[in-house]
N, C-alpha and C. Protein backbone atom coordinates (compact mmCIF):
# COMPACT_ATOMS: atom_id res chain seq x y z
N GLN A 1 82.41 100.42 101.77
CA GLN A 1 81.82 100.14 100.69
C GLN A 1 82.74 99.48 99.31
N VAL A 2 83.92 100.37 99.72
CA VAL A 2 84.63 100.25 98.19
C VAL A 2 86.00 100.84 99.21
N GLN A 3 86.93 99.96 98.65
CA GLN A 3 88.23 99.98 98.81
C GLN A 3 88.92 100.30 97.34
N LEU A 4 90.34 101.64 97.66
CA LEU A 4 90.85 101.83 96.75
C LEU A 4 92.46 101.60 97.09
N VAL A 5 93.05 101.48 95.79
CA VAL A 5 94.26 100.99 96.21
C VAL A 5 95.01 101.57 94.63
N GLU A 6 95.74 102.70 95.27
CA GLU A 6 96.88 103.74 93.97
C GLU A 6 97.99 102.76 93.67
N SER A 7 98.44 102.64 92.13
CA SER A 7 99.64 102.58 91.93
C SER A 7 99.81 103.06 90.63
N GLY A 8 101.26 102.79 90.80
CA GLY A 8 102.18 103.31 89.46
C GLY A 8 102.93 105.10 89.55
N GLY A 9 102.95 105.35 90.82
CA GLY A 9 103.75 106.11 90.97
C GLY A 9 105.25 105.62 91.03
N GLY A 10 106.13 107.04 90.98
CA GLY A 10 107.96 106.52 91.22
C GLY A 10 108.30 108.12 90.68
N LEU A 11 109.49 107.87 90.46
CA LEU A 11 110.77 109.02 90.36
C LEU A 11 110.40 109.66 88.51
N VAL A 12 110.41 110.22 88.28
CA VAL A 12 110.66 110.22 86.93
C VAL A 12 111.08 112.25 86.52
N GLN A 13 111.52 111.78 85.29
CA GLN A 13 112.02 113.50 85.05
C GLN A 13 111.17 114.41 84.78
N ALA A 14 111.67 115.49 84.73
CA ALA A 14 110.77 116.29 84.29
C ALA A 14 110.63 116.53 82.72
N GLY A 15 109.54 116.54 82.17
CA GLY A 15 108.84 116.34 80.82
C GLY A 15 108.68 114.65 80.36
N GLY A 16 108.54 114.23 81.60
CA GLY A 16 108.31 112.75 81.24
C GLY A 16 106.62 112.47 81.48
N SER A 17 106.59 110.86 81.65
CA SER A 17 105.23 111.15 81.59
C SER A 17 105.42 109.52 82.57
N LEU A 18 103.75 109.60 82.83
CA LEU A 18 103.58 108.23 83.73
C LEU A 18 102.15 108.14 84.21
N ARG A 19 101.57 106.87 84.29
CA ARG A 19 100.41 106.61 84.25
C ARG A 19 99.98 105.85 85.79
N LEU A 20 99.16 106.90 86.65
CA LEU A 20 98.80 106.20 87.47
C LEU A 20 97.27 105.25 87.84
N SER A 21 97.32 104.32 88.25
CA SER A 21 95.90 103.44 88.52
C SER A 21 95.36 103.15 89.64
N CYS A 22 94.10 103.45 89.72
CA CYS A 22 93.17 102.86 91.33
C CYS A 22 92.64 101.38 90.72
N ALA A 23 92.72 100.83 91.83
CA ALA A 23 91.95 99.48 91.64
C ALA A 23 91.12 99.95 92.63
N ALA A 24 89.66 99.72 92.37
CA ALA A 24 88.07 99.41 93.15
C ALA A 24 88.21 98.02 93.61
N SER A 25 87.90 97.95 95.13
CA SER A 25 87.29 96.42 95.43
C SER A 25 86.51 96.67 96.55
N GLY A 26 85.34 95.52 96.75
CA GLY A 26 84.70 95.72 97.39
C GLY A 26 83.43 95.78 96.95
N ARG A 27 82.33 96.48 97.05
CA ARG A 27 80.81 97.26 96.34
C ARG A 27 81.42 97.97 95.33
N THR A 28 82.23 97.20 94.33
CA THR A 28 82.28 98.13 93.09
C THR A 28 81.26 98.16 91.80
N SER A 29 79.59 97.49 92.02
CA SER A 29 78.91 97.28 91.63
C SER A 29 78.52 98.74 91.82
N SER A 30 78.53 99.40 92.52
CA SER A 30 77.87 100.94 92.57
C SER A 30 78.49 101.82 91.40
N ARG A 31 77.54 103.04 91.56
CA ARG A 31 78.23 103.54 90.13
C ARG A 31 78.44 104.51 90.66
N TYR A 32 79.67 104.74 90.85
CA TYR A 32 80.85 105.96 91.50
C TYR A 32 81.70 106.99 90.63
N GLY A 33 80.99 108.00 91.21
CA GLY A 33 82.04 109.13 90.42
C GLY A 33 83.33 109.37 91.03
N MET A 34 84.44 109.42 90.48
CA MET A 34 85.56 109.00 91.35
C MET A 34 86.40 110.34 90.37
N GLY A 35 87.91 110.90 91.65
CA GLY A 35 88.65 111.49 91.05
C GLY A 35 90.21 111.47 91.46
N TRP A 36 90.85 112.19 91.14
CA TRP A 36 92.42 112.49 91.45
C TRP A 36 92.43 113.40 92.42
N PHE A 37 93.17 113.53 93.44
CA PHE A 37 93.70 114.64 94.15
C PHE A 37 95.48 114.64 94.56
N ARG A 38 95.68 115.40 94.82
CA ARG A 38 97.60 115.41 94.99
C ARG A 38 97.53 116.25 96.64
N GLN A 39 98.64 116.13 97.22
CA GLN A 39 99.29 117.01 98.12
C GLN A 39 100.52 116.68 97.92
N ALA A 40 101.26 118.05 97.99
CA ALA A 40 102.48 118.20 98.49
C ALA A 40 102.86 118.53 99.64
N PRO A 41 103.86 117.81 100.06
CA PRO A 41 104.22 118.69 101.43
C PRO A 41 104.14 120.15 101.76
N GLY A 42 103.71 120.12 102.95
CA GLY A 42 103.33 121.84 103.38
C GLY A 42 101.86 122.33 102.83
N LYS A 43 101.54 121.68 102.36
CA LYS A 43 100.33 122.23 101.28
C LYS A 43 98.88 121.13 101.27
N GLU A 44 97.83 122.11 100.91
CA GLU A 44 96.89 121.57 101.15
C GLU A 44 96.12 120.20 99.73
N ARG A 45 95.81 119.50 100.33
CA ARG A 45 95.47 118.74 99.12
C ARG A 45 94.33 119.11 97.84
N GLU A 46 95.13 118.96 96.94
CA GLU A 46 94.35 119.86 95.44
C GLU A 46 94.30 118.78 94.79
N PHE A 47 92.95 119.51 94.09
CA PHE A 47 92.13 118.62 93.05
C PHE A 47 92.74 118.49 92.10
N VAL A 48 92.74 117.41 91.12
CA VAL A 48 93.55 117.29 90.16
C VAL A 48 92.79 116.94 88.79
N ALA A 49 91.83 115.98 89.12
CA ALA A 49 90.95 115.33 88.08
C ALA A 49 89.43 114.49 88.08
N ALA A 50 88.51 114.75 87.68
CA ALA A 50 87.66 113.80 88.17
C ALA A 50 86.46 113.35 87.01
N ILE A 51 86.25 112.41 86.80
CA ILE A 51 85.11 111.69 86.27
C ILE A 51 83.89 111.03 86.37
N SER A 52 82.79 111.07 85.77
CA SER A 52 81.63 110.39 85.62
C SER A 52 81.69 108.67 85.78
N TRP A 53 80.62 108.27 86.46
CA TRP A 53 80.74 107.02 86.30
C TRP A 53 80.81 106.51 84.99
N SER A 54 80.00 106.90 83.83
CA SER A 54 80.22 106.34 82.51
C SER A 54 80.97 107.13 81.85
N GLY A 55 82.44 107.65 82.02
CA GLY A 55 83.50 108.41 81.63
C GLY A 55 83.34 109.29 80.96
N SER A 56 81.98 109.76 80.40
CA SER A 56 81.56 111.03 79.64
C SER A 56 81.90 112.27 79.92
N SER A 57 81.65 112.70 81.01
CA SER A 57 82.36 113.70 81.76
C SER A 57 83.47 114.03 83.07
N THR A 58 84.21 114.97 82.14
CA THR A 58 85.69 115.29 83.36
C THR A 58 85.52 116.40 83.61
N TYR A 59 86.56 116.83 84.79
CA TYR A 59 86.72 118.03 85.38
C TYR A 59 88.44 117.97 85.33
N TYR A 60 89.11 118.94 85.35
CA TYR A 60 90.75 119.04 85.45
C TYR A 60 90.99 120.49 86.39
N GLY A 61 91.97 120.11 86.80
CA GLY A 61 92.58 121.37 87.43
C GLY A 61 93.22 122.28 86.37
N ASP A 62 93.23 123.52 86.92
CA ASP A 62 93.78 124.13 86.06
C ASP A 62 95.33 123.87 85.75
N SER A 63 96.09 123.45 86.52
CA SER A 63 97.35 123.39 86.33
C SER A 63 97.85 122.39 86.02
N VAL A 64 96.91 121.39 85.48
CA VAL A 64 97.08 120.01 84.59
C VAL A 64 96.14 119.90 83.43
N LYS A 65 95.49 120.43 82.91
CA LYS A 65 94.90 120.87 81.63
C LYS A 65 96.20 120.63 80.50
N GLY A 66 95.42 119.91 79.67
CA GLY A 66 96.21 119.44 78.49
C GLY A 66 97.39 118.64 78.92
N ARG A 67 97.78 118.50 80.08
CA ARG A 67 98.76 117.67 80.02
C ARG A 67 98.06 116.61 80.59
N PHE A 68 97.04 116.10 81.63
CA PHE A 68 96.90 115.01 82.49
C PHE A 68 95.54 114.53 81.66
N THR A 69 95.04 113.53 81.97
CA THR A 69 93.88 112.67 80.91
C THR A 69 93.73 111.46 82.37
N ILE A 70 92.22 112.01 82.57
CA ILE A 70 91.52 110.94 83.50
C ILE A 70 90.77 109.99 82.88
N SER A 71 90.88 108.68 82.91
CA SER A 71 89.80 107.97 82.46
C SER A 71 89.26 106.53 83.11
N ARG A 72 88.57 105.71 82.52
CA ARG A 72 88.02 104.57 83.74
C ARG A 72 87.83 103.74 82.89
N ASP A 73 87.78 102.55 83.90
CA ASP A 73 87.39 101.01 82.99
C ASP A 73 86.69 100.26 83.99
N ASN A 74 85.59 100.75 83.85
CA ASN A 74 84.55 99.96 85.13
C ASN A 74 84.35 98.52 85.05
N ALA A 75 84.47 97.77 83.67
CA ALA A 75 84.87 96.12 83.04
C ALA A 75 86.06 95.76 84.33
N LYS A 76 87.07 96.95 84.30
CA LYS A 76 88.31 96.44 85.22
C LYS A 76 88.05 96.80 86.62
N ASN A 77 87.13 97.73 86.86
CA ASN A 77 87.20 98.45 88.08
C ASN A 77 88.16 99.10 88.52
N THR A 78 88.76 99.68 87.86
CA THR A 78 90.37 100.72 87.36
C THR A 78 90.13 101.76 86.91
N MET A 79 90.21 102.83 87.65
CA MET A 79 90.44 104.32 86.91
C MET A 79 91.98 104.52 86.93
N TYR A 80 92.30 105.67 86.07
CA TYR A 80 93.81 105.93 85.78
C TYR A 80 93.85 107.45 85.67
N LEU A 81 95.09 107.60 85.52
CA LEU A 81 95.82 109.06 85.34
C LEU A 81 96.64 109.10 84.52
N GLN A 82 96.50 109.49 83.39
CA GLN A 82 97.96 109.65 82.25
C GLN A 82 98.32 110.92 82.81
N MET A 83 99.79 111.03 82.95
CA MET A 83 100.34 112.33 83.31
C MET A 83 101.21 112.21 82.28
N ASN A 84 101.45 113.26 81.68
CA ASN A 84 102.38 113.90 80.39
C ASN A 84 102.95 115.22 80.68
N SER A 85 104.11 115.37 80.46
CA SER A 85 104.67 116.41 79.99
C SER A 85 104.75 117.09 81.82
N LEU A 86 105.38 116.21 82.64
CA LEU A 86 105.22 116.25 84.26
C LEU A 86 106.69 117.35 84.70
N LYS A 87 106.21 118.21 85.46
CA LYS A 87 106.69 119.18 86.06
C LYS A 87 107.58 119.06 87.12
N PRO A 88 108.30 119.35 87.87
CA PRO A 88 108.68 119.36 89.16
C PRO A 88 107.85 119.86 90.18
N GLU A 89 107.05 120.77 89.92
CA GLU A 89 105.59 121.14 90.68
C GLU A 89 104.35 119.87 90.65
N ASP A 90 104.53 119.11 89.86
CA ASP A 90 103.45 117.87 90.11
C ASP A 90 104.02 116.65 90.96
N THR A 91 104.91 117.30 91.62
CA THR A 91 105.57 116.20 92.83
C THR A 91 104.41 116.38 93.71
N ALA A 92 103.98 115.20 94.46
CA ALA A 92 103.44 115.30 95.65
C ALA A 92 102.85 113.89 95.63
N VAL A 93 101.65 113.65 96.88
CA VAL A 93 101.00 112.10 96.79
C VAL A 93 100.02 112.12 96.18
N TYR A 94 100.13 111.32 95.37
CA TYR A 94 98.02 111.33 94.45
C TYR A 94 97.32 109.89 95.04
N TYR A 95 95.99 110.84 95.04
CA TYR A 95 95.12 110.10 95.98
C TYR A 95 94.15 109.57 95.31
N CYS A 96 93.67 108.40 94.87
CA CYS A 96 92.04 108.44 94.11
C CYS A 96 90.93 108.32 95.17
N ALA A 97 89.88 109.04 94.50
CA ALA A 97 88.88 108.76 95.59
C ALA A 97 87.47 108.75 94.97
N ALA A 98 86.37 108.35 95.58
CA ALA A 98 85.11 107.73 94.70
C ALA A 98 84.06 108.36 95.83
N HIS A 99 82.98 108.47 94.98
CA HIS A 99 82.02 109.19 95.88
C HIS A 99 80.11 108.19 95.59
N GLY A 100 79.52 108.57 96.02
CA GLY A 100 78.18 107.90 95.80
C GLY A 100 77.21 108.42 94.81
N GLY A 101 77.71 109.72 93.96
CA GLY A 101 76.92 110.10 93.00
C GLY A 101 77.55 109.56 91.53
N THR A 102 76.85 109.65 90.48
CA THR A 102 77.32 108.82 89.34
C THR A 102 78.43 110.25 88.57
N TYR A 103 78.10 111.62 89.12
CA TYR A 103 78.91 112.79 88.21
C TYR A 103 80.01 112.95 89.06
N PRO A 104 80.72 113.86 88.32
CA PRO A 104 82.38 114.06 88.85
C PRO A 104 82.11 115.27 89.52
N SER A 105 82.93 115.60 90.60
CA SER A 105 82.82 116.32 91.27
C SER A 105 84.49 117.05 91.78
N THR A 106 84.53 118.17 91.54
CA THR A 106 85.87 118.66 92.51
C THR A 106 86.41 118.93 93.56
N LEU A 107 85.35 118.69 94.50
CA LEU A 107 85.45 118.92 95.86
C LEU A 107 85.76 117.88 96.67
N ARG A 108 86.90 117.94 97.64
CA ARG A 108 87.10 117.02 98.30
C ARG A 108 86.41 116.39 99.15
N ARG A 109 85.84 117.73 99.71
CA ARG A 109 84.56 116.91 100.68
C ARG A 109 83.71 116.20 100.59
N ALA A 110 83.24 116.30 99.12
CA ALA A 110 82.30 115.01 98.50
C ALA A 110 82.70 113.94 98.27
N TYR A 111 83.76 113.67 98.40
CA TYR A 111 84.49 111.97 98.00
C TYR A 111 84.76 111.00 99.49
N ASP A 112 83.64 109.95 99.94
CA ASP A 112 83.13 109.06 100.37
C ASP A 112 84.56 108.52 100.46
N TYR A 113 84.99 107.81 100.05
CA TYR A 113 86.18 106.80 99.81
C TYR A 113 87.89 106.92 98.99
N TRP A 114 88.92 107.04 99.83
CA TRP A 114 89.80 107.11 99.50
C TRP A 114 91.09 106.34 99.52
N GLY A 115 92.00 106.20 98.67
CA GLY A 115 92.89 105.32 98.65
C GLY A 115 94.12 106.32 99.43
N GLN A 116 94.98 105.30 99.64
CA GLN A 116 96.39 105.70 100.76
C GLN A 116 97.40 106.28 100.02
N GLY A 117 97.26 106.96 98.72
CA GLY A 117 97.89 107.49 98.02
C GLY A 117 99.23 106.86 97.45
N THR A 118 100.19 107.58 96.03
CA THR A 118 100.89 107.31 95.79
C THR A 118 101.67 108.27 95.40
N GLN A 119 103.10 107.90 95.87
CA GLN A 119 104.20 109.21 95.52
C GLN A 119 104.66 109.76 94.24
N VAL A 120 104.51 110.49 93.44
CA VAL A 120 104.98 111.06 92.54
C VAL A 120 106.05 112.08 92.51
N THR A 121 107.39 111.91 92.30
CA THR A 121 108.53 112.91 92.36
C THR A 121 108.97 113.05 90.94
N VAL A 122 108.60 114.00 90.32
CA VAL A 122 109.55 114.60 89.12
C VAL A 122 110.63 115.56 89.55
N SER A 123 111.63 115.26 88.84
CA SER A 123 113.18 115.82 89.24
C SER A 123 113.07 116.59 88.24
N SER A 124 113.81 117.58 88.04
CA SER A 124 114.20 118.99 87.03
C SER A 124 115.83 118.12 86.81
């Protein structure tokens, strides 16, 4: 129903900032809750942030609270992840996801649609 494409990843030095975007296409008229997950080599996919359809409710993983901000612009069918004060441990492939409820979810298995991911590498 929905196709998701991440962009904005790249190489950044520790302490720097990066903004990821997730563009949705297909049945974008549906009111999807969305989120960001990340996966580092050899590790499980980790919850990063989630946002309700309206954008009024957000969740953050403990490791990114105070540094990352999730937002969305439904008119543009786009979700964003602003990442500040980046650390080497933030290095991972970042995935955007969407599910059929309007609420945000921290659970990987709750999401129905996934992008292919974008690599974020933070150098020390």
